[in-house]
Each structure stands twice: as C-alpha cells, then as structure tokens.
Amino acid sequence: MRVLVVYCHPVAESFNAAVRDAVIRGLTRAGHEVDLLDLYAEGFDPVLSRQARLDYHTPGVNAVPVADHLARVRAVQGMVIVAPTWWYGPPAMLKGWLDRVFVPFETFGMPKPFRPLERRLTNIRLLAAVSTLGSPWYWWRWVGQPGRRIIMEGLGGIIHPRARKLWLALHSMDSAGAAKRARFLAKVEARFAEL
C-alpha cells in the first residue's frame, strides 16, 4: 500500500529522525510505497489564520489553502505519524497540521444529533504513530494519554472503521541509554516490516 509518513521534529539530528528512518526501513521491507511529509523541512505553516478560521465551515473554501496536503492524505491507504510528545500532546507544528488539514466536509462530515462524525477518509486502512515521551509510562497513563488519544481516537474516528491501528512509544526518553534506544529502533523497524 501507499503510506504517508508524517514526520515532525525541528532538529535534523534528533533521535526522532532515527525513529523516522526505522519506520521507513520497515515499511520498505514490507513492500509498501512511502510518501514522506516532513513538516519542518517543507516549511508547513501551522498557524490557523483568522481568515482560515472564518472559512473553516465553508465547503470547498476551507480546502483551498491546504489542497496539496489533502491530496496527499487522500492518495494513501496508510498514515504513520512520527513525532515526540511534548507536554502530553503533539508538537505545535503537528497540532497545527491537524487543525488546518483535517477540515470539515473534506475529511469528515459534521456530526448530527446522536450521530458521530461522518468518516470521509475511508481510504486510510492503517493508522500508526511512533512517539518519544519524557514521562514514564505510568504517569502517561495516569494523565489519560492525551496525545495518543488525539491521533488514535481523533483521527481514528474519521478513517476506515476497521482500520488497523498501532501506537509505539519510548517512555522516559530523557534517561534512556544507547542500548534502550537501539532496542526501540529495532522494535519499530520490525513492527513496520510486519505490516
């Protein structure tokens, strides 16, 4: 399948770059075609402007500023997000991408009383995310895993209802030694090679 890998980290030599590369190696080994979307390298503007917010609920008009990104999302069967978790959620750049690109009428239909959002991205049958977190796993669970929920449940609610979902995370990143990091990279590559 064709997979959009959405990568978000401002530092080119970060550990997250090694995670991104492990994801791509695994997907390639599995025979998938990869479209890499590096939000920082592409200079994506995450700011939802006043006009974009005013146009947010206007079909067609809301898609114009992000038409190229919408086309890339529609052209894939899988989406993998690779980004750190900062302050329990995605980096501002990634959150801005979600805010700006996943607009009503294009990616979901507006909810009606007693009905969920209408799924408009049923082309996506795989949703995965790989993240690094400073917090230990038990604290992450205690605070309710907000970043994971944004991606896996928020995006998960507008893609194919039987899509496969995968979340991989390296916790306590700030104290993870070289061996723990290497094990995580090997795990990531192996899991994506199985998809």
C-alpha atoms as a PDB file:
ATOM      1  CA  MET A   1       0.000   0.000   0.000  1.00  0.00           C
ATOM      2  CA  ARG A   2       0.971   3.639  -0.234  1.00  0.00           C
ATOM      3  CA  VAL A   3       1.772   5.124   3.173  1.00  0.00           C
ATOM      4  CA  LEU A   4       2.083   8.769   4.186  1.00  0.00           C
ATOM      5  CA  VAL A   5       4.741   9.153   6.879  1.00  0.00           C
ATOM      6  CA  VAL A   6       4.158  12.465   8.641  1.00  0.00           C
ATOM      7  CA  TYR A   7       7.338  13.462  10.439  1.00  0.00           C
ATOM      8  CA  CYS A   8       7.556  16.369  12.867  1.00  0.00           C
ATOM      9  CA  HIS A   9      10.720  17.430  14.680  1.00  0.00           C
ATOM     10  CA  PRO A  10      12.695  20.679  14.352  1.00  0.00           C
ATOM     11  CA  VAL A  11      16.147  19.109  14.899  1.00  0.00           C
ATOM     12  CA  ALA A  12      17.505  17.174  11.917  1.00  0.00           C
ATOM     13  CA  GLU A  13      19.829  15.010  14.025  1.00  0.00           C
ATOM     14  CA  SER A  14      17.271  14.161  16.733  1.00  0.00           C
ATOM     15  CA  PHE A  15      16.517  10.628  17.894  1.00  0.00           C
ATOM     16  CA  ASN A  16      13.116  11.073  16.260  1.00  0.00           C
ATOM     17  CA  ALA A  17      14.920  11.241  12.904  1.00  0.00           C
ATOM     18  CA  ALA A  18      16.342   7.779  13.626  1.00  0.00           C
ATOM     19  CA  VAL A  19      12.812   6.635  14.517  1.00  0.00           C
ATOM     20  CA  ARG A  20      11.512   8.026  11.211  1.00  0.00           C
ATOM     21  CA  ASP A  21      14.231   6.165   9.326  1.00  0.00           C
ATOM     22  CA  ALA A  22      13.400   2.909  11.166  1.00  0.00           C
ATOM     23  CA  VAL A  23       9.734   3.315  10.215  1.00  0.00           C
ATOM     24  CA  ILE A  24      10.632   3.891   6.560  1.00  0.00           C
ATOM     25  CA  ARG A  25      13.046   0.925   6.503  1.00  0.00           C
ATOM     26  CA  GLY A  26      10.360  -1.337   7.953  1.00  0.00           C
ATOM     27  CA  LEU A  27       7.660  -0.156   5.562  1.00  0.00           C
ATOM     28  CA  THR A  28      10.019  -0.539   2.596  1.00  0.00           C
ATOM     29  CA  ARG A  29      10.974  -4.076   3.690  1.00  0.00           C
ATOM     30  CA  ALA A  30       7.259  -4.902   3.788  1.00  0.00           C
ATOM     31  CA  GLY A  31       6.913  -3.710   0.182  1.00  0.00           C
ATOM     32  CA  HIS A  32       4.980  -0.507   0.845  1.00  0.00           C
ATOM     33  CA  GLU A  33       5.452   2.739  -1.059  1.00  0.00           C
ATOM     34  CA  VAL A  34       6.330   5.661   1.234  1.00  0.00           C
ATOM     35  CA  ASP A  35       5.447   9.341   0.834  1.00  0.00           C
ATOM     36  CA  LEU A  36       7.470  11.268   3.439  1.00  0.00           C
ATOM     37  CA  LEU A  37       5.933  14.520   4.642  1.00  0.00           C
ATOM     38  CA  ASP A  38       8.489  16.334   6.795  1.00  0.00           C
ATOM     39  CA  LEU A  39       6.554  19.279   8.205  1.00  0.00           C
ATOM     40  CA  TYR A  40       9.601  21.314   9.237  1.00  0.00           C
ATOM     41  CA  ALA A  41      11.623  20.591   6.083  1.00  0.00           C
ATOM     42  CA  GLU A  42       8.650  21.573   3.920  1.00  0.00           C
ATOM     43  CA  GLY A  43       8.104  24.763   5.903  1.00  0.00           C
ATOM     44  CA  PHE A  44       4.483  24.000   6.716  1.00  0.00           C
ATOM     45  CA  ASP A  45       2.697  26.959   8.332  1.00  0.00           C
ATOM     46  CA  PRO A  46       0.800  25.541  11.335  1.00  0.00           C
ATOM     47  CA  VAL A  47      -0.963  28.788  12.193  1.00  0.00           C
ATOM     48  CA  LEU A  48      -4.707  28.808  11.676  1.00  0.00           C
ATOM     49  CA  SER A  49      -5.195  32.368  10.487  1.00  0.00           C
ATOM     50  CA  ARG A  50      -8.248  34.492  11.223  1.00  0.00           C
ATOM     51  CA  GLN A  51      -9.488  34.045   7.661  1.00  0.00           C
ATOM     52  CA  ALA A  52      -8.906  30.284   7.699  1.00  0.00           C
ATOM     53  CA  ARG A  53     -10.956  30.034  10.888  1.00  0.00           C
ATOM     54  CA  LEU A  54     -13.755  32.128   9.375  1.00  0.00           C
ATOM     55  CA  ASP A  55     -13.700  29.830   6.310  1.00  0.00           C
ATOM     56  CA  TYR A  56     -13.379  26.631   8.372  1.00  0.00           C
ATOM     57  CA  HIS A  57     -17.022  25.546   7.919  1.00  0.00           C
ATOM     58  CA  THR A  58     -17.363  26.663   4.279  1.00  0.00           C
ATOM     59  CA  PRO A  59     -17.170  23.610   1.993  1.00  0.00           C
ATOM     60  CA  GLY A  60     -14.565  23.927  -0.724  1.00  0.00           C
ATOM     61  CA  VAL A  61     -13.196  27.228   0.528  1.00  0.00           C
ATOM     62  CA  ASN A  62     -11.696  25.606   3.643  1.00  0.00           C
ATOM     63  CA  ALA A  63      -9.691  23.183   1.480  1.00  0.00           C
ATOM     64  CA  VAL A  64      -8.016  25.729  -0.787  1.00  0.00           C
ATOM     65  CA  PRO A  65      -5.048  26.687   1.463  1.00  0.00           C
ATOM     66  CA  VAL A  66      -4.175  23.035   2.170  1.00  0.00           C
ATOM     67  CA  ALA A  67      -5.227  21.373  -1.089  1.00  0.00           C
ATOM     68  CA  ASP A  68      -1.802  19.806  -1.678  1.00  0.00           C
ATOM     69  CA  HIS A  69      -1.776  18.209   1.790  1.00  0.00           C
ATOM     70  CA  LEU A  70      -5.344  16.986   1.405  1.00  0.00           C
ATOM     71  CA  ALA A  71      -4.391  15.378  -1.903  1.00  0.00           C
ATOM     72  CA  ARG A  72      -1.535  13.518  -0.231  1.00  0.00           C
ATOM     73  CA  VAL A  73      -3.825  12.293   2.572  1.00  0.00           C
ATOM     74  CA  ARG A  74      -6.415  11.093   0.048  1.00  0.00           C
ATOM     75  CA  ALA A  75      -3.813   9.291  -2.076  1.00  0.00           C
ATOM     76  CA  VAL A  76      -2.740   6.819   0.624  1.00  0.00           C
ATOM     77  CA  GLN A  77      -4.057   3.734   2.333  1.00  0.00           C
ATOM     78  CA  GLY A  78      -1.906   4.180   5.425  1.00  0.00           C
ATOM     79  CA  MET A  79      -0.727   7.056   7.595  1.00  0.00           C
ATOM     80  CA  VAL A  80       2.112   6.936  10.113  1.00  0.00           C
ATOM     81  CA  ILE A  81       2.889   9.861  12.384  1.00  0.00           C
ATOM     82  CA  VAL A  82       6.388  10.127  13.835  1.00  0.00           C
ATOM     83  CA  ALA A  83       6.759  12.897  16.407  1.00  0.00           C
ATOM     84  CA  PRO A  84       7.723  13.452  20.017  1.00  0.00           C
ATOM     85  CA  THR A  85       5.158  14.007  22.729  1.00  0.00           C
ATOM     86  CA  TRP A  86       5.713  17.357  24.427  1.00  0.00           C
ATOM     87  CA  TRP A  87       3.570  18.479  27.342  1.00  0.00           C
ATOM     88  CA  TYR A  88       1.408  15.377  26.866  1.00  0.00           C
ATOM     89  CA  GLY A  89       0.483  16.192  23.285  1.00  0.00           C
ATOM     90  CA  PRO A  90       1.835  16.602  19.779  1.00  0.00           C
ATOM     91  CA  PRO A  91       4.269  19.402  18.953  1.00  0.00           C
ATOM     92  CA  ALA A  92       2.577  22.659  17.938  1.00  0.00           C
ATOM     93  CA  MET A  93       3.646  22.122  14.313  1.00  0.00           C
ATOM     94  CA  LEU A  94       1.868  18.757  14.154  1.00  0.00           C
ATOM     95  CA  LYS A  95      -1.202  20.017  16.013  1.00  0.00           C
ATOM     96  CA  GLY A  96      -1.383  22.924  13.559  1.00  0.00           C
ATOM     97  CA  TRP A  97      -1.200  20.474  10.652  1.00  0.00           C
ATOM     98  CA  LEU A  98      -4.107  18.528  12.107  1.00  0.00           C
ATOM     99  CA  ASP A  99      -6.091  21.748  12.708  1.00  0.00           C
ATOM    100  CA  ARG A 100      -5.509  23.103   9.222  1.00  0.00           C
ATOM    101  CA  VAL A 101      -5.616  19.985   7.023  1.00  0.00           C
ATOM    102  CA  PHE A 102      -8.381  17.879   8.569  1.00  0.00           C
ATOM    103  CA  VAL A 103     -11.213  20.257   7.750  1.00  0.00           C
ATOM    104  CA  PRO A 104     -14.955  19.557   7.727  1.00  0.00           C
ATOM    105  CA  PHE A 105     -16.644  18.308   4.562  1.00  0.00           C
ATOM    106  CA  GLU A 106     -13.258  17.229   3.193  1.00  0.00           C
ATOM    107  CA  THR A 107     -12.079  14.787   5.855  1.00  0.00           C
ATOM    108  CA  PHE A 108     -15.237  14.376   7.928  1.00  0.00           C
ATOM    109  CA  GLY A 109     -18.894  15.281   7.815  1.00  0.00           C
ATOM    110  CA  MET A 110     -20.268  17.420  10.613  1.00  0.00           C
ATOM    111  CA  PRO A 111     -21.943  15.474  13.414  1.00  0.00           C
ATOM    112  CA  LYS A 112     -25.698  15.362  13.747  1.00  0.00           C
ATOM    113  CA  PRO A 113     -27.641  14.796  16.965  1.00  0.00           C
ATOM    114  CA  PHE A 114     -26.956  11.297  18.301  1.00  0.00           C
ATOM    115  CA  ARG A 115     -24.598  10.505  15.419  1.00  0.00           C
ATOM    116  CA  PRO A 116     -20.791  10.577  15.301  1.00  0.00           C
ATOM    117  CA  LEU A 117     -18.714  12.384  12.722  1.00  0.00           C
ATOM    118  CA  GLU A 118     -19.142  11.086   9.192  1.00  0.00           C
ATOM    119  CA  ARG A 119     -15.976   9.302   8.083  1.00  0.00           C
ATOM    120  CA  ARG A 120     -14.630  10.748   4.837  1.00  0.00           C
ATOM    121  CA  LEU A 121     -11.128   9.246   4.863  1.00  0.00           C
ATOM    122  CA  THR A 122     -12.110   5.626   4.473  1.00  0.00           C
ATOM    123  CA  ASN A 123      -9.192   5.184   2.067  1.00  0.00           C
ATOM    124  CA  ILE A 124      -6.969   5.010   5.158  1.00  0.00           C
ATOM    125  CA  ARG A 125      -6.882   1.454   6.498  1.00  0.00           C
ATOM    126  CA  LEU A 126      -3.760   1.788   8.638  1.00  0.00           C
ATOM    127  CA  LEU A 127      -3.151   4.471  11.249  1.00  0.00           C
ATOM    128  CA  ALA A 128       0.062   4.297  13.235  1.00  0.00           C
ATOM    129  CA  ALA A 129       2.073   6.631  15.407  1.00  0.00           C
ATOM    130  CA  VAL A 130       5.511   6.391  16.961  1.00  0.00           C
ATOM    131  CA  SER A 131       6.435   8.820  19.696  1.00  0.00           C
ATOM    132  CA  THR A 132       9.027   9.544  22.342  1.00  0.00           C
ATOM    133  CA  LEU A 133       7.984  10.818  25.751  1.00  0.00           C
ATOM    134  CA  GLY A 134       9.894  12.246  28.675  1.00  0.00           C
ATOM    135  CA  SER A 135       7.316  10.879  31.079  1.00  0.00           C
ATOM    136  CA  PRO A 136       7.380   7.313  32.397  1.00  0.00           C
ATOM    137  CA  TRP A 137       4.591   5.026  31.156  1.00  0.00           C
ATOM    138  CA  TYR A 138       2.706   5.004  34.461  1.00  0.00           C
ATOM    139  CA  TRP A 139       2.467   8.815  34.557  1.00  0.00           C
ATOM    140  CA  TRP A 140       1.384   8.914  30.915  1.00  0.00           C
ATOM    141  CA  ARG A 141      -1.463   6.537  31.715  1.00  0.00           C
ATOM    142  CA  TRP A 142      -2.421   8.461  34.831  1.00  0.00           C
ATOM    143  CA  VAL A 143      -2.854  11.724  32.884  1.00  0.00           C
ATOM    144  CA  GLY A 144      -5.020   9.954  30.289  1.00  0.00           C
ATOM    145  CA  GLN A 145      -2.619   9.716  27.310  1.00  0.00           C
ATOM    146  CA  PRO A 146      -3.949  12.894  25.640  1.00  0.00           C
ATOM    147  CA  GLY A 147      -1.509  12.923  22.688  1.00  0.00           C
ATOM    148  CA  ARG A 148      -2.206   9.294  21.868  1.00  0.00           C
ATOM    149  CA  ARG A 149      -5.937   9.917  22.058  1.00  0.00           C
ATOM    150  CA  ILE A 150      -5.760  12.896  19.653  1.00  0.00           C
ATOM    151  CA  ILE A 151      -4.164  10.714  17.000  1.00  0.00           C
ATOM    152  CA  MET A 152      -5.585   7.245  17.575  1.00  0.00           C
ATOM    153  CA  GLU A 153      -9.136   8.228  18.531  1.00  0.00           C
ATOM    154  CA  GLY A 154      -9.467  11.655  16.905  1.00  0.00           C
ATOM    155  CA  LEU A 155      -8.041  10.713  13.516  1.00  0.00           C
ATOM    156  CA  GLY A 156      -9.196   7.154  14.069  1.00  0.00           C
ATOM    157  CA  GLY A 157     -12.781   8.403  14.089  1.00  0.00           C
ATOM    158  CA  ILE A 158     -12.643   9.713  10.516  1.00  0.00           C
ATOM    159  CA  ILE A 159     -10.757   6.914   8.738  1.00  0.00           C
ATOM    160  CA  HIS A 160     -11.981   3.451   7.739  1.00  0.00           C
ATOM    161  CA  PRO A 161     -13.894   1.963  10.693  1.00  0.00           C
ATOM    162  CA  ARG A 162     -11.920  -1.296  10.535  1.00  0.00           C
ATOM    163  CA  ALA A 163      -8.533   0.334  10.026  1.00  0.00           C
ATOM    164  CA  ARG A 164      -5.592  -1.277  11.779  1.00  0.00           C
ATOM    165  CA  LYS A 165      -4.105   0.941  14.490  1.00  0.00           C
ATOM    166  CA  LEU A 166      -0.657   0.869  16.045  1.00  0.00           C
ATOM    167  CA  TRP A 167       0.902   3.078  18.728  1.00  0.00           C
ATOM    168  CA  LEU A 168       4.553   2.633  19.715  1.00  0.00           C
ATOM    169  CA  ALA A 169       6.244   4.804  22.324  1.00  0.00           C
ATOM    170  CA  LEU A 170       9.594   5.132  24.028  1.00  0.00           C
ATOM    171  CA  HIS A 171       8.926   6.423  27.543  1.00  0.00           C
ATOM    172  CA  SER A 172      11.417   8.134  29.897  1.00  0.00           C
ATOM    173  CA  MET A 173      13.268   9.332  26.810  1.00  0.00           C
ATOM    174  CA  ASP A 174      15.434  11.762  28.753  1.00  0.00           C
ATOM    175  CA  SER A 175      17.068   8.945  30.715  1.00  0.00           C
ATOM    176  CA  ALA A 176      17.074   6.247  28.010  1.00  0.00           C
ATOM    177  CA  GLY A 177      20.573   4.996  27.334  1.00  0.00           C
ATOM    178  CA  ALA A 178      22.032   3.917  23.998  1.00  0.00           C
ATOM    179  CA  ALA A 179      21.039   0.264  24.462  1.00  0.00           C
ATOM    180  CA  LYS A 180      17.394   1.105  25.234  1.00  0.00           C
ATOM    181  CA  ARG A 181      17.219   3.432  22.248  1.00  0.00           C
ATOM    182  CA  ALA A 182      18.762   0.823  19.947  1.00  0.00           C
ATOM    183  CA  ARG A 183      16.249  -1.797  21.133  1.00  0.00           C
ATOM    184  CA  PHE A 184      13.406   0.608  20.464  1.00  0.00           C
ATOM    185  CA  LEU A 185      14.629   1.353  16.933  1.00  0.00           C
ATOM    186  CA  ALA A 186      14.916  -2.372  16.201  1.00  0.00           C
ATOM    187  CA  LYS A 187      11.392  -2.939  17.544  1.00  0.00           C
ATOM    188  CA  VAL A 188       9.988  -0.114  15.410  1.00  0.00           C
ATOM    189  CA  GLU A 189      11.611  -1.384  12.221  1.00  0.00           C
ATOM    190  CA  ALA A 190      10.471  -4.952  12.894  1.00  0.00           C
ATOM    191  CA  ARG A 191       6.863  -3.962  13.619  1.00  0.00           C
ATOM    192  CA  PHE A 192       6.566  -1.902  10.448  1.00  0.00           C
ATOM    193  CA  ALA A 193       8.191  -4.668   8.402  1.00  0.00           C
ATOM    194  CA  GLU A 194       5.308  -6.924   9.525  1.00  0.00           C
ATOM    195  CA  LEU A 195       2.549  -4.606   8.261  1.00  0.00           C
END
